[in-house]
């Protein structure tokens, strides 16, 4: 059964959401991300997708305190991303309470470094964060386009035994118009051994059921919770 993973995106220490990755569309939902994390934990969720949007944009982790506070005040299994650029930062993120680190920009721009991290810390402790637009990877907080396709990136890291992958279709993110079912079906068909987590556009229970049916391992949900389009109480069969 698919795993529901609520998302908290951070700008200036606050819980926000963007639309299509545009920082100018930032909307604050809670001044205190820890409070939001506790609400998700109280609803029965076990995982949390925590994104340092400031870090992603700057290429250097910014919101350390948010990670530390959520990790120390909840029992959520946190996967963290945003601005991790050195091995020392990888170690610090783990030491600060993250169980999994999601890597996007470095995986594309500095694959040798990422391969080294995988060898040292273990492939199971990382997720490959594939943010795409028209099936090509976008990096640096969705601000820089590349000519690398999602398929090229997956193949590159399958060789390192990295099978935990989450894919965000930026054109769907924050639009509340449904996820990229066709894209995810295509990815799963090509790479049946990966554990694919879908992200972007989920706005209903039906969307979650469709993603479950096509074989997605997990789904990251953000704005649909914050805008109350999905009630966590309706997801009991996925979290109990």
Protein backbone atom coordinates (compact mmCIF):
# COMPACT_ATOMS: atom_id res chain seq x y z
CA UNK A 1 0.00 0.00 0.00
CA UNK A 2 1.19 3.49 -0.86
CA UNK A 3 2.83 5.57 1.88
CA UNK A 4 1.42 9.06 2.49
CA UNK A 5 4.18 11.60 3.16
CA UNK A 6 3.10 15.10 4.21
CA UNK A 7 5.39 17.93 3.14
CA UNK A 8 6.65 21.01 4.92
CA UNK A 9 8.49 23.60 2.82
CA UNK A 10 10.50 26.24 4.66
CA UNK A 11 11.33 29.84 3.78
CA UNK A 12 12.72 32.12 6.50
CA UNK A 13 11.86 29.51 9.12
CA UNK A 14 8.16 29.49 8.17
CA UNK A 15 5.93 26.82 6.64
CA UNK A 16 5.08 27.89 3.08
CA UNK A 17 3.94 26.53 -0.29
CA UNK A 18 4.86 27.64 -3.79
CA UNK A 19 3.03 27.30 -7.09
CA UNK A 20 4.99 25.72 -9.95
CA UNK A 21 8.17 26.28 -7.96
CA UNK A 22 7.92 30.06 -8.26
CA UNK A 23 9.35 31.72 -5.12
CA UNK A 24 7.29 34.83 -5.87
CA UNK A 25 4.12 32.79 -5.21
CA UNK A 26 5.18 31.89 -1.66
CA UNK A 27 2.23 31.64 0.74
CA UNK A 28 2.77 31.29 4.48
CA UNK A 29 0.61 28.63 6.14
CA UNK A 30 2.18 28.56 9.58
CA UNK A 31 4.81 30.68 11.31
CA UNK A 32 5.81 27.58 13.31
CA UNK A 33 6.72 24.48 11.24
CA UNK A 34 7.08 22.40 14.41
CA UNK A 35 3.41 22.95 15.16
CA UNK A 36 2.54 21.78 11.64
CA UNK A 37 4.76 18.70 12.02
CA UNK A 38 3.05 17.83 15.32
CA UNK A 39 -0.34 18.11 13.62
CA UNK A 40 0.75 15.65 10.94
CA UNK A 41 2.10 13.28 13.59
CA UNK A 42 -1.15 13.59 15.52
CA UNK A 43 -3.07 12.61 12.39
CA UNK A 44 -1.16 9.33 12.30
CA UNK A 45 1.49 10.01 9.69
CA UNK A 46 4.91 8.43 10.24
CA UNK A 47 6.94 10.24 7.56
CA UNK A 48 7.70 13.87 6.78
CA UNK A 49 9.19 15.46 3.68
CA UNK A 50 11.02 18.58 4.89
CA UNK A 51 12.38 21.01 2.30
CA UNK A 52 14.68 23.95 3.00
CA UNK A 53 13.67 26.19 0.08
CA UNK A 54 16.13 28.87 1.16
CA UNK A 55 18.87 26.26 1.09
CA UNK A 56 17.79 24.92 -2.28
CA UNK A 57 17.98 28.39 -3.79
CA UNK A 58 21.29 29.35 -2.17
CA UNK A 59 22.99 25.95 -2.56
CA UNK A 60 23.69 25.83 1.17
CA UNK A 61 21.45 24.58 4.02
CA UNK A 62 19.85 27.52 5.84
CA UNK A 63 17.12 26.24 8.14
CA UNK A 64 19.04 23.94 10.47
CA UNK A 65 16.98 24.86 13.52
CA UNK A 66 13.72 23.80 11.89
CA UNK A 67 15.12 20.34 11.20
CA UNK A 68 16.56 20.01 14.70
CA UNK A 69 13.36 21.16 16.39
CA UNK A 70 11.05 18.89 14.40
CA UNK A 71 13.38 15.92 14.91
CA UNK A 72 13.64 16.51 18.66
CA UNK A 73 9.95 17.26 19.24
CA UNK A 74 8.33 14.56 17.08
CA UNK A 75 9.01 10.92 16.22
CA UNK A 76 8.45 11.48 12.49
CA UNK A 77 10.88 9.84 10.09
CA UNK A 78 12.21 12.89 8.27
CA UNK A 79 13.56 13.05 4.77
CA UNK A 80 15.31 16.36 4.30
CA UNK A 81 16.39 18.28 1.22
CA UNK A 82 17.56 21.71 0.18
CA UNK A 83 21.06 23.07 -0.24
CA UNK A 84 23.13 20.06 0.86
CA UNK A 85 26.41 20.49 -0.99
CA UNK A 86 29.22 18.90 1.05
CA UNK A 87 29.92 15.67 2.88
CA UNK A 88 30.14 17.60 6.14
CA UNK A 89 26.64 18.94 5.56
CA UNK A 90 25.38 15.44 4.82
CA UNK A 91 26.79 14.28 8.15
CA UNK A 92 25.34 17.32 9.96
CA UNK A 93 21.87 16.75 8.46
CA UNK A 94 21.89 13.16 9.71
CA UNK A 95 23.22 14.30 13.09
CA UNK A 96 20.47 16.93 13.24
CA UNK A 97 17.79 14.25 13.03
CA UNK A 98 17.05 13.43 9.41
CA UNK A 99 16.70 9.72 8.62
CA UNK A 100 16.89 10.16 4.85
CA UNK A 101 18.43 12.86 2.67
CA UNK A 102 16.93 13.75 -0.70
CA UNK A 103 19.51 14.92 -3.23
CA UNK A 104 18.66 16.73 -6.45
CA UNK A 105 21.05 19.39 -7.75
CA UNK A 106 24.24 17.66 -6.62
CA UNK A 107 23.11 14.39 -8.20
CA UNK A 108 22.97 16.17 -11.55
CA UNK A 109 25.82 18.66 -11.30
CA UNK A 110 28.33 16.79 -9.13
CA UNK A 111 27.66 13.04 -9.54
CA UNK A 112 31.12 12.04 -8.32
CA UNK A 113 30.46 13.74 -4.99
CA UNK A 114 27.04 12.13 -4.64
CA UNK A 115 28.47 8.71 -5.49
CA UNK A 116 31.03 9.22 -2.73
CA UNK A 117 28.28 10.07 -0.24
CA UNK A 118 26.32 6.97 -1.26
CA UNK A 119 29.37 4.78 -0.71
CA UNK A 120 30.06 6.29 2.72
CA UNK A 121 26.55 6.60 4.16
CA UNK A 122 24.67 3.89 2.21
CA UNK A 123 22.21 4.08 -0.69
CA UNK A 124 19.25 3.27 1.59
CA UNK A 125 19.78 6.58 3.43
CA UNK A 126 19.25 8.70 0.32
CA UNK A 127 16.45 9.53 -2.06
CA UNK A 128 17.11 10.75 -5.58
CA UNK A 129 15.07 13.94 -5.93
CA UNK A 130 14.08 14.27 -9.57
CA UNK A 131 12.33 17.56 -10.23
CA UNK A 132 11.18 17.63 -13.84
CA UNK A 133 9.65 19.87 -16.45
CA UNK A 134 8.78 18.18 -19.75
CA UNK A 135 10.64 15.11 -18.45
CA UNK A 136 13.92 17.06 -18.11
CA UNK A 137 15.56 17.70 -14.74
CA UNK A 138 15.40 21.15 -13.13
CA UNK A 139 17.78 22.06 -10.28
CA UNK A 140 18.65 24.78 -7.70
CA UNK A 141 15.20 25.06 -6.21
CA UNK A 142 13.57 24.67 -9.62
CA UNK A 143 15.31 27.77 -10.96
CA UNK A 144 17.80 26.17 -13.42
CA UNK A 145 16.87 23.90 -16.34
CA UNK A 146 19.11 21.07 -17.61
CA UNK A 147 19.30 18.81 -20.65
CA UNK A 148 19.32 15.68 -18.49
CA UNK A 149 16.18 13.55 -18.72
CA UNK A 150 14.54 11.85 -15.76
CA UNK A 151 15.37 8.49 -17.37
CA UNK A 152 19.06 9.27 -17.76
CA UNK A 153 19.24 10.30 -14.10
CA UNK A 154 17.49 7.18 -12.83
CA UNK A 155 19.72 4.87 -14.88
CA UNK A 156 22.83 6.66 -13.65
CA UNK A 157 22.02 6.01 -9.99
CA UNK A 158 20.53 2.56 -10.34
CA UNK A 159 24.14 1.57 -11.00
CA UNK A 160 24.84 2.76 -7.43
CA UNK A 161 21.90 0.67 -6.16
CA UNK A 162 19.93 3.83 -5.34
CA UNK A 163 16.30 2.78 -5.77
CA UNK A 164 14.43 5.32 -3.63
CA UNK A 165 13.35 8.06 -6.01
CA UNK A 166 10.83 10.84 -5.76
CA UNK A 167 9.72 12.74 -8.82
CA UNK A 168 8.03 16.13 -8.85
CA UNK A 169 6.44 17.37 -12.05
CA UNK A 170 6.86 21.12 -11.58
CA UNK A 171 4.09 21.89 -14.07
CA UNK A 172 1.67 20.18 -11.66
CA UNK A 173 3.07 21.40 -8.37
CA UNK A 174 0.64 23.50 -6.38
CA UNK A 175 -1.89 23.53 -9.21
CA UNK A 176 -4.36 21.16 -7.55
CA UNK A 177 -5.17 19.62 -10.95
CA UNK A 178 -4.02 16.06 -10.34
CA UNK A 179 -0.61 14.34 -10.55
CA UNK A 180 1.30 13.23 -13.65
CA UNK A 181 -0.12 9.72 -13.80
CA UNK A 182 1.15 9.15 -17.34
CA UNK A 183 4.71 10.16 -16.42
CA UNK A 184 4.79 7.96 -13.33
CA UNK A 185 3.37 4.97 -15.21
CA UNK A 186 6.09 5.41 -17.81
CA UNK A 187 8.84 5.60 -15.19
CA UNK A 188 7.57 2.52 -13.32
CA UNK A 189 7.20 0.55 -16.55
CA UNK A 190 10.81 1.33 -17.51
CA UNK A 191 12.25 0.76 -14.03
CA UNK A 192 10.08 -1.74 -12.12
CA UNK A 193 12.71 -2.26 -9.41
CA UNK A 194 12.69 1.33 -8.12
CA UNK A 195 10.57 2.66 -5.25
CA UNK A 196 8.94 5.71 -6.82
CA UNK A 197 7.37 8.44 -4.72
CA UNK A 198 5.11 10.84 -6.61
CA UNK A 199 4.95 14.55 -5.85
CA UNK A 200 2.98 17.46 -7.29
CA UNK A 201 -0.65 18.10 -8.11
CA UNK A 202 -2.32 15.67 -5.71
CA UNK A 203 -5.65 17.17 -4.70
CA UNK A 204 -8.03 14.30 -3.91
CA UNK A 205 -8.37 10.81 -2.50
CA UNK A 206 -8.92 9.62 -6.08
CA UNK A 207 -5.48 10.91 -7.04
CA UNK A 208 -3.92 8.90 -4.22
CA UNK A 209 -5.84 5.77 -5.21
CA UNK A 210 -4.68 6.12 -8.83
CA UNK A 211 -1.05 6.47 -7.76
CA UNK A 212 -1.44 3.41 -5.55
CA UNK A 213 -2.94 1.40 -8.42
CA UNK A 214 -0.12 2.17 -10.86
CA UNK A 215 2.49 1.04 -8.35
CA UNK A 216 3.85 4.18 -6.71
CA UNK A 217 5.61 3.40 -3.45
CA UNK A 218 4.74 6.74 -1.86
CA UNK A 219 3.11 10.10 -2.44
CA UNK A 220 4.15 13.49 -1.08
CA UNK A 221 1.23 15.78 -0.28
CA UNK A 222 1.52 19.44 0.67
CA UNK A 223 -0.85 22.08 -0.58
CA UNK A 224 -3.87 19.74 -0.64
CA UNK A 225 -3.55 19.40 3.13
CA UNK A 226 -2.97 23.09 3.73
CA UNK A 227 -5.90 24.14 1.54
CA UNK A 228 -8.05 21.45 3.21
CA UNK A 229 -8.82 19.65 -0.06
CA UNK A 230 -7.81 16.39 1.61
CA UNK A 231 -8.72 15.60 5.21
CA UNK A 232 -6.11 13.43 6.96
CA UNK A 233 -8.98 11.62 8.72
CA UNK A 234 -10.02 10.23 5.33
CA UNK A 235 -6.62 8.58 4.90
CA UNK A 236 -6.81 6.24 7.88
CA UNK A 237 -6.47 3.10 5.76
CA UNK A 238 -3.11 4.39 4.51
CA UNK A 239 -1.65 5.44 7.86
CA UNK A 240 -3.03 2.98 10.46
